[in-house]
Amino acid sequence: MPYVIGANCIDVTDRACLDVCPVDAIYVGERKSYINVNECIDCGACEPECPVDAIFVDRKARDDAFVADSIAFFSETLPGRAAPLGDPGGAATVGEVGVDTPLVAGFTGP
C-alpha cells in the first residue's frame, strides 16, 4: 500500500488532500478519510497537503493498525452497507461513504 491516513485525521474536517489527488483515490468516511491502495498511484501529492500530518507512506508505518484498517475499509463490508466498497474507480463515483471501520468508529484517542 503506498499511502495510509492515520489517527490524526479522525474528526478533522480539512480535506485538502482530496483536492490534490490526481486519481481521486481518497474516500471520505464519517470520521476520517481513507486511501484506496488499488487506485493510488503513489505520487505523494496528498502527504504535504495534510495539515495534521496524518498521511504517511506505509513503508514508514507509524501505526500498523491503521495500515490494516485502510485495507479493511475497502475489502470488508462496512456497517450499514450491503457489500464491501471494493475498487469503485474513484471517490466521485460513490460520494462520501459516511461510515467508518469499527476501529475508527470506536476510536477515542491514543
PDB file of N, CA and C in Angstrom:
ATOM      1  N   MET A   1       0.856  -1.171   0.000  1.00  0.00           N
ATOM      2  CA  MET A   1       0.000   0.000   0.000  1.00  0.00           C
ATOM      3  C   MET A   1       0.901   1.233   0.000  1.00  0.00           C
ATOM      4  N   PRO A   2       0.666   2.147  -0.899  1.00  0.00           N
ATOM      5  CA  PRO A   2       1.550   3.302  -0.978  1.00  0.00           C
ATOM      6  C   PRO A   2       1.377   4.290   0.183  1.00  0.00           C
ATOM      7  N   TYR A   3       0.206   4.838   0.360  1.00  0.00           N
ATOM      8  CA  TYR A   3      -0.031   5.820   1.416  1.00  0.00           C
ATOM      9  C   TYR A   3      -1.192   5.396   2.298  1.00  0.00           C
ATOM     10  N   VAL A   4      -1.138   5.834   3.560  1.00  0.00           N
ATOM     11  CA  VAL A   4      -2.139   5.493   4.563  1.00  0.00           C
ATOM     12  C   VAL A   4      -2.511   6.783   5.293  1.00  0.00           C
ATOM     13  N   ILE A   5      -3.764   6.883   5.686  1.00  0.00           N
ATOM     14  CA  ILE A   5      -4.206   8.001   6.511  1.00  0.00           C
ATOM     15  C   ILE A   5      -4.428   7.457   7.921  1.00  0.00           C
ATOM     16  N   GLY A   6      -3.715   8.037   8.865  1.00  0.00           N
ATOM     17  CA  GLY A   6      -3.741   7.530  10.234  1.00  0.00           C
ATOM     18  C   GLY A   6      -4.678   8.270  11.170  1.00  0.00           C
ATOM     19  N   ALA A   7      -4.467   8.048  12.446  1.00  0.00           N
ATOM     20  CA  ALA A   7      -5.348   8.542  13.504  1.00  0.00           C
ATOM     21  C   ALA A   7      -5.475  10.059  13.552  1.00  0.00           C
ATOM     22  N   ASN A   8      -4.444  10.782  13.145  1.00  0.00           N
ATOM     23  CA  ASN A   8      -4.512  12.241  13.212  1.00  0.00           C
ATOM     24  C   ASN A   8      -5.634  12.824  12.355  1.00  0.00           C
ATOM     25  N   CYS A   9      -6.137  12.065  11.422  1.00  0.00           N
ATOM     26  CA  CYS A   9      -7.215  12.530  10.544  1.00  0.00           C
ATOM     27  C   CYS A   9      -8.593  12.436  11.207  1.00  0.00           C
ATOM     28  N   ILE A  10      -8.717  11.616  12.218  1.00  0.00           N
ATOM     29  CA  ILE A  10     -10.033  11.386  12.824  1.00  0.00           C
ATOM     30  C   ILE A  10     -10.609  12.688  13.373  1.00  0.00           C
ATOM     31  N   ASP A  11     -11.820  12.975  12.941  1.00  0.00           N
ATOM     32  CA  ASP A  11     -12.583  14.164  13.334  1.00  0.00           C
ATOM     33  C   ASP A  11     -11.983  15.477  12.846  1.00  0.00           C
ATOM     34  N   VAL A  12     -11.142  15.421  11.814  1.00  0.00           N
ATOM     35  CA  VAL A  12     -10.601  16.621  11.180  1.00  0.00           C
ATOM     36  C   VAL A  12     -11.368  16.844   9.889  1.00  0.00           C
ATOM     37  N   THR A  13     -11.885  18.036   9.686  1.00  0.00           N
ATOM     38  CA  THR A  13     -12.715  18.282   8.510  1.00  0.00           C
ATOM     39  C   THR A  13     -11.949  18.846   7.325  1.00  0.00           C
ATOM     40  N   ASP A  14     -10.681  19.190   7.492  1.00  0.00           N
ATOM     41  CA  ASP A  14      -9.887  19.688   6.376  1.00  0.00           C
ATOM     42  C   ASP A  14      -9.675  18.554   5.380  1.00  0.00           C
ATOM     43  N   ARG A  15      -9.996  18.802   4.142  1.00  0.00           N
ATOM     44  CA  ARG A  15      -9.888  17.759   3.115  1.00  0.00           C
ATOM     45  C   ARG A  15      -9.025  18.217   1.955  1.00  0.00           C
ATOM     46  N   ALA A  16      -7.963  18.944   2.255  1.00  0.00           N
ATOM     47  CA  ALA A  16      -7.060  19.446   1.228  1.00  0.00           C
ATOM     48  C   ALA A  16      -6.461  18.312   0.408  1.00  0.00           C
ATOM     49  N   CYS A  17      -6.276  17.158   1.030  1.00  0.00           N
ATOM     50  CA  CYS A  17      -5.695  16.014   0.321  1.00  0.00           C
ATOM     51  C   CYS A  17      -6.579  15.569  -0.841  1.00  0.00           C
ATOM     52  N   LEU A  18      -7.886  15.670  -0.690  1.00  0.00           N
ATOM     53  CA  LEU A  18      -8.801  15.260  -1.753  1.00  0.00           C
ATOM     54  C   LEU A  18      -8.619  16.128  -2.992  1.00  0.00           C
ATOM     55  N   ASP A  19      -8.393  17.406  -2.781  1.00  0.00           N
ATOM     56  CA  ASP A  19      -8.265  18.343  -3.898  1.00  0.00           C
ATOM     57  C   ASP A  19      -7.027  18.098  -4.752  1.00  0.00           C
ATOM     58  N   VAL A  20      -5.972  17.534  -4.167  1.00  0.00           N
ATOM     59  CA  VAL A  20      -4.730  17.355  -4.913  1.00  0.00           C
ATOM     60  C   VAL A  20      -4.534  15.937  -5.453  1.00  0.00           C
ATOM     61  N   CYS A  21      -5.374  15.005  -5.090  1.00  0.00           N
ATOM     62  CA  CYS A  21      -5.217  13.624  -5.559  1.00  0.00           C
ATOM     63  C   CYS A  21      -5.593  13.553  -7.042  1.00  0.00           C
ATOM     64  N   PRO A  22      -4.629  13.247  -7.914  1.00  0.00           N
ATOM     65  CA  PRO A  22      -4.909  13.255  -9.350  1.00  0.00           C
ATOM     66  C   PRO A  22      -5.768  12.083  -9.830  1.00  0.00           C
ATOM     67  N   VAL A  23      -5.930  11.050  -8.996  1.00  0.00           N
ATOM     68  CA  VAL A  23      -6.709   9.880  -9.418  1.00  0.00           C
ATOM     69  C   VAL A  23      -7.935   9.639  -8.555  1.00  0.00           C
ATOM     70  N   ASP A  24      -8.276  10.599  -7.684  1.00  0.00           N
ATOM     71  CA  ASP A  24      -9.493  10.514  -6.870  1.00  0.00           C
ATOM     72  C   ASP A  24      -9.521   9.243  -6.011  1.00  0.00           C
ATOM     73  N   ALA A  25      -8.377   8.930  -5.381  1.00  0.00           N
ATOM     74  CA  ALA A  25      -8.249   7.687  -4.613  1.00  0.00           C
ATOM     75  C   ALA A  25      -8.507   7.857  -3.123  1.00  0.00           C
ATOM     76  N   ILE A  26      -8.927   9.042  -2.682  1.00  0.00           N
ATOM     77  CA  ILE A  26      -9.165   9.286  -1.266  1.00  0.00           C
ATOM     78  C   ILE A  26     -10.668   9.366  -1.018  1.00  0.00           C
ATOM     79  N   TYR A  27     -11.145   8.462  -0.182  1.00  0.00           N
ATOM     80  CA  TYR A  27     -12.571   8.319   0.102  1.00  0.00           C
ATOM     81  C   TYR A  27     -12.876   8.850   1.494  1.00  0.00           C
ATOM     82  N   VAL A  28     -14.044   9.440   1.670  1.00  0.00           N
ATOM     83  CA  VAL A  28     -14.425  10.060   2.928  1.00  0.00           C
ATOM     84  C   VAL A  28     -15.405   9.177   3.689  1.00  0.00           C
ATOM     85  N   GLY A  29     -15.005   8.804   4.897  1.00  0.00           N
ATOM     86  CA  GLY A  29     -15.902   8.071   5.786  1.00  0.00           C
ATOM     87  C   GLY A  29     -16.673   9.068   6.635  1.00  0.00           C
ATOM     88  N   GLU A  30     -17.093   8.662   7.813  1.00  0.00           N
ATOM     89  CA  GLU A  30     -17.801   9.585   8.689  1.00  0.00           C
ATOM     90  C   GLU A  30     -16.831  10.435   9.511  1.00  0.00           C
ATOM     91  N   ARG A  31     -15.797   9.789  10.066  1.00  0.00           N
ATOM     92  CA  ARG A  31     -14.866  10.495  10.950  1.00  0.00           C
ATOM     93  C   ARG A  31     -13.486  10.709  10.342  1.00  0.00           C
ATOM     94  N   LYS A  32     -13.146  10.001   9.263  1.00  0.00           N
ATOM     95  CA  LYS A  32     -11.825  10.157   8.642  1.00  0.00           C
ATOM     96  C   LYS A  32     -11.869   9.743   7.191  1.00  0.00           C
ATOM     97  N   SER A  33     -10.795   9.999   6.475  1.00  0.00           N
ATOM     98  CA  SER A  33     -10.683   9.626   5.071  1.00  0.00           C
ATOM     99  C   SER A  33      -9.750   8.424   4.925  1.00  0.00           C
ATOM    100  N   TYR A  34      -9.860   7.758   3.778  1.00  0.00           N
ATOM    101  CA  TYR A  34      -9.112   6.524   3.520  1.00  0.00           C
ATOM    102  C   TYR A  34      -8.582   6.554   2.086  1.00  0.00           C
ATOM    103  N   ILE A  35      -7.361   6.042   1.888  1.00  0.00           N
ATOM    104  CA  ILE A  35      -6.775   5.966   0.557  1.00  0.00           C
ATOM    105  C   ILE A  35      -6.923   4.540   0.034  1.00  0.00           C
ATOM    106  N   ASN A  36      -7.455   4.412  -1.177  1.00  0.00           N
ATOM    107  CA  ASN A  36      -7.618   3.098  -1.800  1.00  0.00           C
ATOM    108  C   ASN A  36      -6.283   2.689  -2.430  1.00  0.00           C
ATOM    109  N   VAL A  37      -5.682   1.635  -1.904  1.00  0.00           N
ATOM    110  CA  VAL A  37      -4.379   1.166  -2.364  1.00  0.00           C
ATOM    111  C   VAL A  37      -4.384   0.783  -3.841  1.00  0.00           C
ATOM    112  N   ASN A  38      -5.475   0.269  -4.329  1.00  0.00           N
ATOM    113  CA  ASN A  38      -5.534  -0.173  -5.716  1.00  0.00           C
ATOM    114  C   ASN A  38      -5.743   0.972  -6.700  1.00  0.00           C
ATOM    115  N   GLU A  39      -6.127   2.130  -6.198  1.00  0.00           N
ATOM    116  CA  GLU A  39      -6.341   3.284  -7.067  1.00  0.00           C
ATOM    117  C   GLU A  39      -5.249   4.346  -6.920  1.00  0.00           C
ATOM    118  N   CYS A  40      -4.559   4.340  -5.795  1.00  0.00           N
ATOM    119  CA  CYS A  40      -3.480   5.298  -5.538  1.00  0.00           C
ATOM    120  C   CYS A  40      -2.303   5.012  -6.471  1.00  0.00           C
ATOM    121  N   ILE A  41      -1.718   6.074  -7.036  1.00  0.00           N
ATOM    122  CA  ILE A  41      -0.573   5.902  -7.936  1.00  0.00           C
ATOM    123  C   ILE A  41       0.748   6.236  -7.247  1.00  0.00           C
ATOM    124  N   ASP A  42       0.723   6.398  -5.936  1.00  0.00           N
ATOM    125  CA  ASP A  42       1.932   6.617  -5.144  1.00  0.00           C
ATOM    126  C   ASP A  42       2.660   7.900  -5.533  1.00  0.00           C
ATOM    127  N   CYS A  43       1.911   8.943  -5.918  1.00  0.00           N
ATOM    128  CA  CYS A  43       2.539  10.198  -6.343  1.00  0.00           C
ATOM    129  C   CYS A  43       2.985  11.056  -5.163  1.00  0.00           C
ATOM    130  N   GLY A  44       2.329  10.896  -4.009  1.00  0.00           N
ATOM    131  CA  GLY A  44       2.695  11.648  -2.821  1.00  0.00           C
ATOM    132  C   GLY A  44       2.139  13.058  -2.735  1.00  0.00           C
ATOM    133  N   ALA A  45       1.284  13.445  -3.658  1.00  0.00           N
ATOM    134  CA  ALA A  45       0.740  14.808  -3.650  1.00  0.00           C
ATOM    135  C   ALA A  45      -0.055  15.102  -2.383  1.00  0.00           C
ATOM    136  N   CYS A  46      -0.694  14.095  -1.824  1.00  0.00           N
ATOM    137  CA  CYS A  46      -1.556  14.286  -0.654  1.00  0.00           C
ATOM    138  C   CYS A  46      -0.778  14.536   0.640  1.00  0.00           C
ATOM    139  N   GLU A  47       0.366  13.915   0.767  1.00  0.00           N
ATOM    140  CA  GLU A  47       1.107  13.954   2.036  1.00  0.00           C
ATOM    141  C   GLU A  47       1.435  15.371   2.518  1.00  0.00           C
ATOM    142  N   PRO A  48       2.020  16.238   1.699  1.00  0.00           N
ATOM    143  CA  PRO A  48       2.342  17.573   2.205  1.00  0.00           C
ATOM    144  C   PRO A  48       1.122  18.472   2.415  1.00  0.00           C
ATOM    145  N   GLU A  49      -0.018  18.100   1.851  1.00  0.00           N
ATOM    146  CA  GLU A  49      -1.228  18.915   1.987  1.00  0.00           C
ATOM    147  C   GLU A  49      -1.951  18.696   3.310  1.00  0.00           C
ATOM    148  N   CYS A  50      -1.646  17.619   3.991  1.00  0.00           N
ATOM    149  CA  CYS A  50      -2.346  17.289   5.233  1.00  0.00           C
ATOM    150  C   CYS A  50      -1.879  18.196   6.369  1.00  0.00           C
ATOM    151  N   PRO A  51      -2.781  19.016   6.921  1.00  0.00           N
ATOM    152  CA  PRO A  51      -2.377  19.951   7.975  1.00  0.00           C
ATOM    153  C   PRO A  51      -2.118  19.301   9.334  1.00  0.00           C
ATOM    154  N   VAL A  52      -2.507  18.026   9.481  1.00  0.00           N
ATOM    155  CA  VAL A  52      -2.310  17.353  10.773  1.00  0.00           C
ATOM    156  C   VAL A  52      -1.340  16.180  10.683  1.00  0.00           C
ATOM    157  N   ASP A  53      -0.591  16.103   9.587  1.00  0.00           N
ATOM    158  CA  ASP A  53       0.435  15.068   9.417  1.00  0.00           C
ATOM    159  C   ASP A  53      -0.136  13.652   9.575  1.00  0.00           C
ATOM    160  N   ALA A  54      -1.315  13.428   8.994  1.00  0.00           N
ATOM    161  CA  ALA A  54      -1.966  12.124   9.134  1.00  0.00           C
ATOM    162  C   ALA A  54      -1.621  11.156   8.002  1.00  0.00           C
ATOM    163  N   ILE A  55      -1.069  11.648   6.908  1.00  0.00           N
ATOM    164  CA  ILE A  55      -0.793  10.798   5.748  1.00  0.00           C
ATOM    165  C   ILE A  55       0.673  10.398   5.751  1.00  0.00           C
ATOM    166  N   PHE A  56       0.911   9.106   5.573  1.00  0.00           N
ATOM    167  CA  PHE A  56       2.278   8.608   5.568  1.00  0.00           C
ATOM    168  C   PHE A  56       2.399   7.419   4.638  1.00  0.00           C
ATOM    169  N   VAL A  57       3.619   7.152   4.201  1.00  0.00           N
ATOM    170  CA  VAL A  57       3.907   6.006   3.347  1.00  0.00           C
ATOM    171  C   VAL A  57       3.837   4.753   4.203  1.00  0.00           C
ATOM    172  N   ASP A  58       3.178   3.710   3.708  1.00  0.00           N
ATOM    173  CA  ASP A  58       3.017   2.505   4.521  1.00  0.00           C
ATOM    174  C   ASP A  58       4.343   1.869   4.886  1.00  0.00           C
ATOM    175  N   ARG A  59       5.370   2.079   4.084  1.00  0.00           N
ATOM    176  CA  ARG A  59       6.685   1.521   4.398  1.00  0.00           C
ATOM    177  C   ARG A  59       7.292   2.188   5.627  1.00  0.00           C
ATOM    178  N   LYS A  60       6.741   3.336   6.004  1.00  0.00           N
ATOM    179  CA  LYS A  60       7.186   4.044   7.197  1.00  0.00           C
ATOM    180  C   LYS A  60       6.061   4.026   8.229  1.00  0.00           C
ATOM    181  N   ALA A  61       5.329   2.949   8.261  1.00  0.00           N
ATOM    182  CA  ALA A  61       4.120   2.867   9.093  1.00  0.00           C
ATOM    183  C   ALA A  61       4.395   3.239  10.535  1.00  0.00           C
ATOM    184  N   ARG A  62       3.646   4.224  10.982  1.00  0.00           N
ATOM    185  CA  ARG A  62       3.750   4.652  12.374  1.00  0.00           C
ATOM    186  C   ARG A  62       2.744   3.902  13.226  1.00  0.00           C
ATOM    187  N   ASP A  63       1.741   3.350  12.587  1.00  0.00           N
ATOM    188  CA  ASP A  63       0.702   2.650  13.335  1.00  0.00           C
ATOM    189  C   ASP A  63       0.148   1.541  12.449  1.00  0.00           C
ATOM    190  N   ASP A  64       0.616   0.330  12.672  1.00  0.00           N
ATOM    191  CA  ASP A  64       0.200  -0.802  11.838  1.00  0.00           C
ATOM    192  C   ASP A  64      -1.300  -1.026  11.851  1.00  0.00           C
ATOM    193  N   ALA A  65      -1.974  -0.637  12.922  1.00  0.00           N
ATOM    194  CA  ALA A  65      -3.426  -0.818  12.996  1.00  0.00           C
ATOM    195  C   ALA A  65      -4.114  -0.030  11.887  1.00  0.00           C
ATOM    196  N   PHE A  66      -3.616   1.136  11.541  1.00  0.00           N
ATOM    197  CA  PHE A  66      -4.253   1.940  10.508  1.00  0.00           C
ATOM    198  C   PHE A  66      -3.891   1.473   9.100  1.00  0.00           C
ATOM    199  N   VAL A  67      -2.784   0.790   8.936  1.00  0.00           N
ATOM    200  CA  VAL A  67      -2.467   0.178   7.640  1.00  0.00           C
ATOM    201  C   VAL A  67      -3.502  -0.911   7.358  1.00  0.00           C
ATOM    202  N   ALA A  68      -3.723  -1.806   8.312  1.00  0.00           N
ATOM    203  CA  ALA A  68      -4.722  -2.871   8.150  1.00  0.00           C
ATOM    204  C   ALA A  68      -6.122  -2.295   8.046  1.00  0.00           C
ATOM    205  N   ASP A  69      -6.398  -1.244   8.792  1.00  0.00           N
ATOM    206  CA  ASP A  69      -7.720  -0.624   8.781  1.00  0.00           C
ATOM    207  C   ASP A  69      -8.034  -0.011   7.421  1.00  0.00           C
ATOM    208  N   SER A  70      -7.038   0.570   6.792  1.00  0.00           N
ATOM    209  CA  SER A  70      -7.239   1.161   5.470  1.00  0.00           C
ATOM    210  C   SER A  70      -7.624   0.089   4.451  1.00  0.00           C
ATOM    211  N   ILE A  71      -7.012  -1.056   4.539  1.00  0.00           N
ATOM    212  CA  ILE A  71      -7.355  -2.179   3.660  1.00  0.00           C
ATOM    213  C   ILE A  71      -8.773  -2.649   3.962  1.00  0.00           C
ATOM    214  N   ALA A  72      -9.102  -2.744   5.242  1.00  0.00           N
ATOM    215  CA  ALA A  72     -10.432  -3.208   5.652  1.00  0.00           C
ATOM    216  C   ALA A  72     -11.542  -2.291   5.160  1.00  0.00           C
ATOM    217  N   PHE A  73     -11.300  -0.986   5.088  1.00  0.00           N
ATOM    218  CA  PHE A  73     -12.317  -0.040   4.636  1.00  0.00           C
ATOM    219  C   PHE A  73     -12.845  -0.406   3.244  1.00  0.00           C
ATOM    220  N   PHE A  74     -11.981  -0.937   2.406  1.00  0.00           N
ATOM    221  CA  PHE A  74     -12.370  -1.280   1.041  1.00  0.00           C
ATOM    222  C   PHE A  74     -12.698  -2.757   0.846  1.00  0.00           C
ATOM    223  N   SER A  75     -12.159  -3.623   1.696  1.00  0.00           N
ATOM    224  CA  SER A  75     -12.321  -5.064   1.477  1.00  0.00           C
ATOM    225  C   SER A  75     -13.381  -5.736   2.346  1.00  0.00           C
ATOM    226  N   GLU A  76     -13.796  -5.081   3.425  1.00  0.00           N
ATOM    227  CA  GLU A  76     -14.800  -5.662   4.319  1.00  0.00           C
ATOM    228  C   GLU A  76     -16.100  -4.867   4.215  1.00  0.00           C
ATOM    229  N   THR A  77     -17.206  -5.511   4.510  1.00  0.00           N
ATOM    230  CA  THR A  77     -18.495  -4.830   4.488  1.00  0.00           C
ATOM    231  C   THR A  77     -18.586  -3.888   5.686  1.00  0.00           C
ATOM    232  N   LEU A  78     -18.765  -2.614   5.415  1.00  0.00           N
ATOM    233  CA  LEU A  78     -18.863  -1.610   6.469  1.00  0.00           C
ATOM    234  C   LEU A  78     -20.262  -1.599   7.068  1.00  0.00           C
ATOM    235  N   PRO A  79     -20.403  -1.132   8.289  1.00  0.00           N
ATOM    236  CA  PRO A  79     -21.723  -1.075   8.926  1.00  0.00           C
ATOM    237  C   PRO A  79     -22.742  -0.331   8.047  1.00  0.00           C
ATOM    238  N   GLY A  80     -23.909  -0.933   7.888  1.00  0.00           N
ATOM    239  CA  GLY A  80     -24.975  -0.318   7.115  1.00  0.00           C
ATOM    240  C   GLY A  80     -24.857  -0.478   5.613  1.00  0.00           C
ATOM    241  N   ARG A  81     -23.832  -1.163   5.142  1.00  0.00           N
ATOM    242  CA  ARG A  81     -23.658  -1.375   3.698  1.00  0.00           C
ATOM    243  C   ARG A  81     -23.886  -2.847   3.387  1.00  0.00           C
ATOM    244  N   ALA A  82     -24.318  -3.130   2.176  1.00  0.00           N
ATOM    245  CA  ALA A  82     -24.643  -4.498   1.788  1.00  0.00           C
ATOM    246  C   ALA A  82     -23.434  -5.301   1.314  1.00  0.00           C
ATOM    247  N   ALA A  83     -22.381  -4.605   0.877  1.00  0.00           N
ATOM    248  CA  ALA A  83     -21.210  -5.287   0.323  1.00  0.00           C
ATOM    249  C   ALA A  83     -19.976  -4.415   0.538  1.00  0.00           C
ATOM    250  N   PRO A  84     -18.796  -4.999   0.402  1.00  0.00           N
ATOM    251  CA  PRO A  84     -17.574  -4.200   0.512  1.00  0.00           C
ATOM    252  C   PRO A  84     -17.529  -3.116  -0.576  1.00  0.00           C
ATOM    253  N   LEU A  85     -16.877  -2.030  -0.287  1.00  0.00           N
ATOM    254  CA  LEU A  85     -16.733  -0.934  -1.238  1.00  0.00           C
ATOM    255  C   LEU A  85     -15.900  -1.354  -2.445  1.00  0.00           C
ATOM    256  N   GLY A  86     -14.857  -2.129  -2.210  1.00  0.00           N
ATOM    257  CA  GLY A  86     -14.010  -2.602  -3.299  1.00  0.00           C
ATOM    258  C   GLY A  86     -13.238  -1.475  -3.962  1.00  0.00           C
ATOM    259  N   ASP A  87     -13.142  -1.534  -5.278  1.00  0.00           N
ATOM    260  CA  ASP A  87     -12.417  -0.538  -6.064  1.00  0.00           C
ATOM    261  C   ASP A  87     -13.378   0.101  -7.057  1.00  0.00           C
ATOM    262  N   PRO A  88     -14.140   1.093  -6.630  1.00  0.00           N
ATOM    263  CA  PRO A  88     -15.167   1.668  -7.498  1.00  0.00           C
ATOM    264  C   PRO A  88     -14.653   2.559  -8.620  1.00  0.00           C
ATOM    265  N   GLY A  89     -13.350   2.841  -8.648  1.00  0.00           N
ATOM    266  CA  GLY A  89     -12.816   3.644  -9.739  1.00  0.00           C
ATOM    267  C   GLY A  89     -12.784   5.133  -9.458  1.00  0.00           C
ATOM    268  N   GLY A  90     -12.733   5.502  -8.207  1.00  0.00           N
ATOM    269  CA  GLY A  90     -12.650   6.901  -7.816  1.00  0.00           C
ATOM    270  C   GLY A  90     -13.725   7.270  -6.828  1.00  0.00           C
ATOM    271  N   ALA A  91     -13.367   8.133  -5.902  1.00  0.00           N
ATOM    272  CA  ALA A  91     -14.288   8.527  -4.840  1.00  0.00           C
ATOM    273  C   ALA A  91     -15.516   9.259  -5.372  1.00  0.00           C
ATOM    274  N   ALA A  92     -15.371   9.972  -6.456  1.00  0.00           N
ATOM    275  CA  ALA A  92     -16.506  10.720  -7.009  1.00  0.00           C
ATOM    276  C   ALA A  92     -17.634   9.799  -7.460  1.00  0.00           C
ATOM    277  N   THR A  93     -17.308   8.569  -7.787  1.00  0.00           N
ATOM    278  CA  THR A  93     -18.344   7.633  -8.242  1.00  0.00           C
ATOM    279  C   THR A  93     -19.267   7.192  -7.118  1.00  0.00           C
ATOM    280  N   VAL A  94     -18.804   7.279  -5.870  1.00  0.00           N
ATOM    281  CA  VAL A  94     -19.628   6.858  -4.729  1.00  0.00           C
ATOM    282  C   VAL A  94     -19.993   7.997  -3.793  1.00  0.00           C
ATOM    283  N   GLY A  95     -19.310   9.125  -3.886  1.00  0.00           N
ATOM    284  CA  GLY A  95     -19.550  10.234  -2.965  1.00  0.00           C
ATOM    285  C   GLY A  95     -19.014   9.904  -1.583  1.00  0.00           C
ATOM    286  N   GLU A  96     -19.427  10.675  -0.606  1.00  0.00           N
ATOM    287  CA  GLU A  96     -18.980  10.406   0.751  1.00  0.00           C
ATOM    288  C   GLU A  96     -19.611   9.102   1.221  1.00  0.00           C
ATOM    289  N   VAL A  97     -18.788   8.218   1.747  1.00  0.00           N
ATOM    290  CA  VAL A  97     -19.268   6.913   2.192  1.00  0.00           C
ATOM    291  C   VAL A  97     -20.098   7.059   3.471  1.00  0.00           C
ATOM    292  N   GLY A  98     -19.683   7.938   4.357  1.00  0.00           N
ATOM    293  CA  GLY A  98     -20.482   8.250   5.539  1.00  0.00           C
ATOM    294  C   GLY A  98     -20.417   7.260   6.684  1.00  0.00           C
ATOM    295  N   VAL A  99     -19.610   6.223   6.564  1.00  0.00           N
ATOM    296  CA  VAL A  99     -19.389   5.279   7.663  1.00  0.00           C
ATOM    297  C   VAL A  99     -17.902   4.979   7.733  1.00  0.00           C
ATOM    298  N   ASP A 100     -17.495   4.436   8.864  1.00  0.00           N
ATOM    299  CA  ASP A 100     -16.096   4.094   9.072  1.00  0.00           C
ATOM    300  C   ASP A 100     -15.965   2.636   9.466  1.00  0.00           C
ATOM    301  N   THR A 101     -14.750   2.187   9.499  1.00  0.00           N
ATOM    302  CA  THR A 101     -14.453   0.858  10.010  1.00  0.00           C
ATOM    303  C   THR A 101     -14.726   0.853  11.512  1.00  0.00           C
ATOM    304  N   PRO A 102     -14.893  -0.306  12.102  1.00  0.00           N
ATOM    305  CA  PRO A 102     -15.102  -0.357  13.557  1.00  0.00           C
ATOM    306  C   PRO A 102     -13.959   0.293  14.347  1.00  0.00           C
ATOM    307  N   LEU A 103     -12.731   0.166  13.867  1.00  0.00           N
ATOM    308  CA  LEU A 103     -11.592   0.783  14.566  1.00  0.00           C
ATOM    309  C   LEU A 103     -11.771   2.291  14.666  1.00  0.00           C
ATOM    310  N   VAL A 104     -12.097   2.923  13.570  1.00  0.00           N
ATOM    311  CA  VAL A 104     -12.239   4.381  13.545  1.00  0.00           C
ATOM    312  C   VAL A 104     -13.526   4.822  14.242  1.00  0.00           C
ATOM    313  N   ALA A 105     -14.609   4.101  14.021  1.00  0.00           N
ATOM    314  CA  ALA A 105     -15.890   4.455  14.638  1.00  0.00           C
ATOM    315  C   ALA A 105     -15.786   4.454  16.165  1.00  0.00           C
ATOM    316  N   GLY A 106     -15.016   3.535  16.710  1.00  0.00           N
ATOM    317  CA  GLY A 106     -14.876   3.436  18.159  1.00  0.00           C
ATOM    318  C   GLY A 106     -13.656   4.111  18.730  1.00  0.00           C
ATOM    319  N   PHE A 107     -12.890   4.788  17.902  1.00  0.00           N
ATOM    320  CA  PHE A 107     -11.627   5.401  18.334  1.00  0.00           C
ATOM    321  C   PHE A 107     -11.877   6.551  19.295  1.00  0.00           C
ATOM    322  N   THR A 108     -11.189   6.525  20.420  1.00  0.00           N
ATOM    323  CA  THR A 108     -11.345   7.595  21.409  1.00  0.00           C
ATOM    324  C   THR A 108     -10.031   8.307  21.671  1.00  0.00           C
ATOM    325  N   GLY A 109      -8.983   7.958  20.994  1.00  0.00           N
ATOM    326  CA  GLY A 109      -7.692   8.620  21.168  1.00  0.00           C
ATOM    327  C   GLY A 109      -6.619   7.638  21.595  1.00  0.00           C
ATOM    328  N   PRO A 110      -5.384   8.140  21.586  1.00  0.00           N
ATOM    329  CA  PRO A 110      -4.259   7.262  21.911  1.00  0.00           C
ATOM    330  C   PRO A 110      -4.249   6.752  23.321  1.00  0.00           C
TER     331      PRO A 110
END
